[in-house]
Protein backbone atom coordinates (compact mmCIF):
# COMPACT_ATOMS: atom_id res chain seq x y z
CA MET A 1 61.19 105.76 106.52
CA SER A 2 61.21 108.93 104.02
CA SER A 3 64.28 110.04 102.00
CA ALA A 4 64.41 113.33 104.10
CA SER A 5 64.42 111.35 107.71
CA LEU A 6 67.42 108.80 105.88
CA TYR A 7 69.18 112.13 104.84
CA ARG A 8 68.63 113.79 108.54
CA LEU A 9 69.79 110.89 109.97
CA SER A 10 72.80 110.15 108.27
CA GLY A 11 73.77 113.70 108.63
CA MET A 12 73.43 113.41 111.93
CA ILE A 13 75.70 110.04 112.00
CA LEU A 14 78.22 111.95 110.16
CA LEU A 15 78.27 115.06 112.57
CA ILE A 16 79.03 112.54 115.77
CA GLY A 17 81.38 110.70 113.27
CA VAL A 18 83.35 114.08 112.89
CA ILE A 19 83.34 115.16 116.60
CA VAL A 20 84.88 111.57 117.71
CA ARG A 21 87.55 111.88 115.34
CA ILE A 22 88.15 115.63 116.53
CA VAL A 23 88.15 114.37 120.01
CA SER A 24 90.42 111.37 119.48
CA ALA A 25 93.24 113.82 117.46
CA ILE A 26 94.25 115.35 120.99
CA ILE A 27 95.63 112.08 122.24
CA PRO A 28 98.64 111.54 120.04
CA PHE A 29 99.52 114.96 121.67
CA LEU A 30 99.79 113.12 124.98
CA VAL A 31 101.30 109.50 123.71
CA SER A 32 102.91 108.22 121.03
CA VAL A 33 100.18 106.03 118.71
CA ASN A 34 102.70 105.20 115.61
CA ILE A 35 102.29 102.04 114.50
CA GLN A 36 105.91 101.22 115.02
CA THR A 37 105.30 101.89 119.04
CA GLU A 38 107.00 99.98 121.09
CA SER A 39 104.97 96.81 122.20
CA GLU A 40 104.47 97.50 126.02
CA ASP A 41 103.28 101.53 124.84
CA LEU A 42 100.42 99.23 123.51
CA GLN A 43 99.12 98.46 127.02
CA ASP A 44 98.25 102.12 127.25
CA PRO A 45 95.39 103.17 127.89
CA LEU A 46 95.51 106.15 125.84
CA VAL A 47 96.89 104.07 122.90
CA ALA A 48 93.76 102.12 123.53
CA ALA A 49 91.50 105.26 123.67
CA TYR A 50 92.80 106.86 120.57
CA TYR A 51 92.57 103.66 118.29
CA SER A 52 88.72 103.01 119.89
CA LEU A 53 87.66 106.57 119.32
CA THR A 54 89.18 106.31 115.76
CA PHE A 55 87.19 103.06 115.10
CA VAL A 56 83.70 104.43 116.25
CA SER A 57 84.55 107.56 114.20
CA PHE A 58 85.29 105.68 110.63
CA SER A 59 82.67 103.66 111.25
CA LEU A 60 80.13 106.52 111.72
CA ILE A 61 81.68 108.47 108.88
CA ILE A 62 81.32 105.31 106.53
CA ILE A 63 77.83 104.67 107.59
CA GLY A 64 77.14 108.46 106.78
CA LEU A 65 78.99 108.78 103.72
CA PRO A 66 76.64 107.03 100.91
CA ALA A 67 73.71 109.93 101.94
CA MET A 68 76.18 112.37 100.83
CA TYR A 69 76.81 111.01 97.31
CA LEU A 70 73.40 110.33 96.72
CA ARG A 71 72.54 113.86 97.36
CA GLN A 72 74.94 114.78 94.88
CA SER A 73 74.61 111.73 92.26
CA ALA A 74 72.62 113.18 89.71
CA ASN A 75 75.65 115.79 89.34
CA SER A 76 78.58 113.69 90.38
CA GLY A 77 77.81 110.94 88.38
CA LYS A 78 80.13 107.51 88.21
CA LEU A 79 83.44 109.53 89.21
CA GLY A 80 81.62 110.41 92.69
CA LEU A 81 80.30 106.80 93.02
CA THR A 82 83.60 105.45 92.30
CA GLY A 83 85.52 107.75 94.84
CA LEU A 84 83.16 106.48 97.56
CA LEU A 85 83.13 103.29 97.02
CA ILE A 86 87.37 103.26 96.98
CA TYR A 87 87.30 105.69 99.92
CA ILE A 88 84.74 102.92 101.74
CA ALA A 89 86.87 99.93 100.92
CA GLY A 90 90.00 101.88 102.56
CA THR A 91 88.14 103.02 105.22
CA LEU A 92 87.20 99.55 106.25
CA LEU A 93 90.53 98.22 105.77
CA ASP A 94 91.77 100.67 108.15
CA ILE A 95 88.89 100.07 110.54
CA ALA A 96 90.17 96.03 110.35
CA CYS A 97 93.89 97.23 111.39
CA ILE A 98 92.37 99.37 114.01
CA ALA A 99 90.70 96.63 115.41
CA THR A 100 93.52 94.56 115.47
CA PHE A 101 95.49 97.25 117.01
CA THR A 102 92.62 97.67 119.92
CA THR A 103 92.18 94.26 120.68
CA VAL A 104 95.04 91.78 119.50
CA MET A 105 97.69 93.52 120.01
CA PRO A 106 97.50 94.95 123.37
CA LEU A 107 96.72 91.02 124.64
CA LEU A 108 99.97 90.12 122.53
CA SER A 109 101.90 92.46 124.34
CA GLU A 110 100.82 91.82 127.60
CA LYS A 111 101.06 88.03 127.13
CA SER A 112 104.30 87.64 124.27
CA PRO A 113 105.37 90.74 123.60
CA GLU A 114 108.07 89.24 121.32
CA LEU A 115 105.38 88.64 118.99
CA VAL A 116 104.23 92.16 119.06
CA ASP A 117 107.39 93.36 118.12
CA ALA A 118 108.08 90.47 114.99
CA VAL A 119 104.76 91.38 113.72
CA LEU A 120 105.38 95.20 113.74
CA ASP A 121 108.68 94.26 112.10
CA SER A 122 106.91 91.80 109.49
CA ASN A 123 104.53 92.96 106.28
CA PHE A 124 102.09 93.85 108.65
CA ALA A 125 102.63 97.63 107.50
CA ILE A 126 101.39 96.90 104.40
CA PHE A 127 97.70 96.87 105.21
CA PRO A 128 97.78 100.40 106.70
CA LEU A 129 99.56 101.47 103.48
CA GLY A 130 96.86 99.97 101.36
CA ALA A 131 94.09 101.57 103.64
CA PHE A 132 95.94 104.38 103.04
CA LEU A 133 96.59 104.34 99.35
CA LEU A 134 93.05 103.26 98.84
CA CYS A 135 91.68 106.53 101.34
CA PHE A 136 93.99 108.69 99.38
CA LEU A 137 92.76 107.89 95.84
CA GLY A 138 88.79 107.50 96.93
CA ALA A 139 89.33 110.95 99.01
CA ILE A 140 90.75 113.03 96.04
CA LEU A 141 88.16 111.51 93.29
CA LEU A 142 85.49 111.94 95.71
CA GLY A 143 86.79 115.60 96.30
CA ILE A 144 86.84 116.53 92.28
CA ALA A 145 83.43 114.69 92.39
CA VAL A 146 82.18 117.47 94.89
CA ILE A 147 83.47 120.49 93.41
CA LYS A 148 82.19 119.35 89.63
CA ALA A 149 78.74 118.38 91.16
CA LYS A 150 78.31 121.86 92.69
CA VAL A 151 75.70 120.71 95.46
CA PHE A 152 78.08 121.47 98.24
CA PRO A 153 80.50 124.23 98.73
CA ALA A 154 83.26 123.81 96.84
CA TYR A 155 85.82 124.10 99.75
CA VAL A 156 84.28 120.91 101.22
CA GLY A 157 85.93 119.19 98.16
CA ALA A 158 88.91 120.87 98.42
CA LEU A 159 89.20 120.06 102.33
CA PHE A 160 88.19 116.10 101.20
CA ILE A 161 91.46 116.65 98.81
CA ALA A 162 93.22 118.32 101.28
CA SER A 163 93.01 115.71 104.19
CA PRO A 164 95.21 112.38 102.85
CA ILE A 165 97.68 114.70 102.10
CA LEU A 166 97.94 116.23 105.47
CA TYR A 167 97.86 112.63 106.74
CA VAL A 168 100.99 111.82 104.62
CA LEU A 169 102.64 114.60 106.41
CA SER A 170 101.71 113.27 109.70
CA SER A 171 103.07 110.14 109.14
CA ILE A 172 106.57 111.49 107.41
CA ILE A 173 107.20 113.97 110.38
CA GLY A 174 110.03 112.54 112.51
CA ASN A 175 109.10 113.40 115.78
CA ASP A 176 105.53 112.51 117.82
CA ILE A 177 104.38 116.44 118.39
CA GLY A 178 105.04 117.23 114.12
CA GLY A 179 102.70 114.32 113.37
CA ALA A 180 100.15 115.14 116.13
CA ILE A 181 100.31 118.79 114.55
CA PHE A 182 99.55 117.35 111.07
CA ASN A 183 97.29 114.44 112.83
CA SER A 184 95.30 117.14 114.08
CA LEU A 185 94.98 119.34 111.10
CA THR A 186 93.87 116.21 109.09
CA ALA A 187 90.98 115.68 111.35
CA ILE A 188 90.19 119.50 111.30
CA ALA A 189 90.02 119.45 107.34
CA LEU A 190 87.83 116.34 107.40
CA GLY A 191 85.67 117.63 109.76
CA ILE A 192 84.99 120.84 108.81
CA ALA A 193 84.09 119.22 105.22
CA LEU A 194 82.08 116.28 106.40
CA GLY A 195 80.57 118.62 109.39
CA LYS A 196 79.03 120.87 106.16
CA VAL A 197 77.82 118.36 104.80
CA GLY A 198 76.25 116.28 107.91
CA LEU A 199 74.84 120.08 108.88
CA SER A 200 73.12 120.09 105.11
CA LEU A 201 72.01 116.57 105.28
CA ALA A 202 70.62 116.93 109.15
CA SER A 203 68.52 119.93 107.96
CA THR A 204 66.92 118.45 105.18
CA ARG A 205 63.14 119.07 105.56
CA ARG A 206 61.58 117.44 102.94
CA ASP A 207 62.04 114.65 100.46
CA VAL A 208 64.74 114.88 97.89
CA SER A 209 65.52 113.05 94.51
CA PRO A 210 68.78 112.16 94.03
């Protein structure tokens, strides 16, 4: 497969991932998806749908991201590679946490709800926190690399940097509606940034050297 075909495939994967992520951002307006949600709420089909869609979107995004780095690797250098690897590591950890919420937690909630409460009250939150910190650092480094490389528009890097900041606000807001608003803003910021990258990659017509 030629490099142009790989870029186009990666671009389409990114675009699909972005669309799924934006769709998932609608669900928090309908039901609480907070990690500290009550055990019985984990059986809600909308909660399962949210985490399932998020799982799919994150998986697609990390598949498509390496092409973004390769397109600008000559200009972004080690900063871009470091940011990419850290961001992917954080996203993989996030995917692992999401997989737990979509498989193990609903089963425990149905069979042994007291175990769910025990898990949520334990140090389980350190894993989502670790995923967030890795994604936060990776997004900032990758965003800076995008701005410096000047292969994609500067706003792509700026929105990449802004997305984890918006996510922080969605986490610290005290009510579900406020959190849902900032969660949707996070999805939109990342969607615009990666959507532009995806369109650029998907429109590649000839082989491109990194």
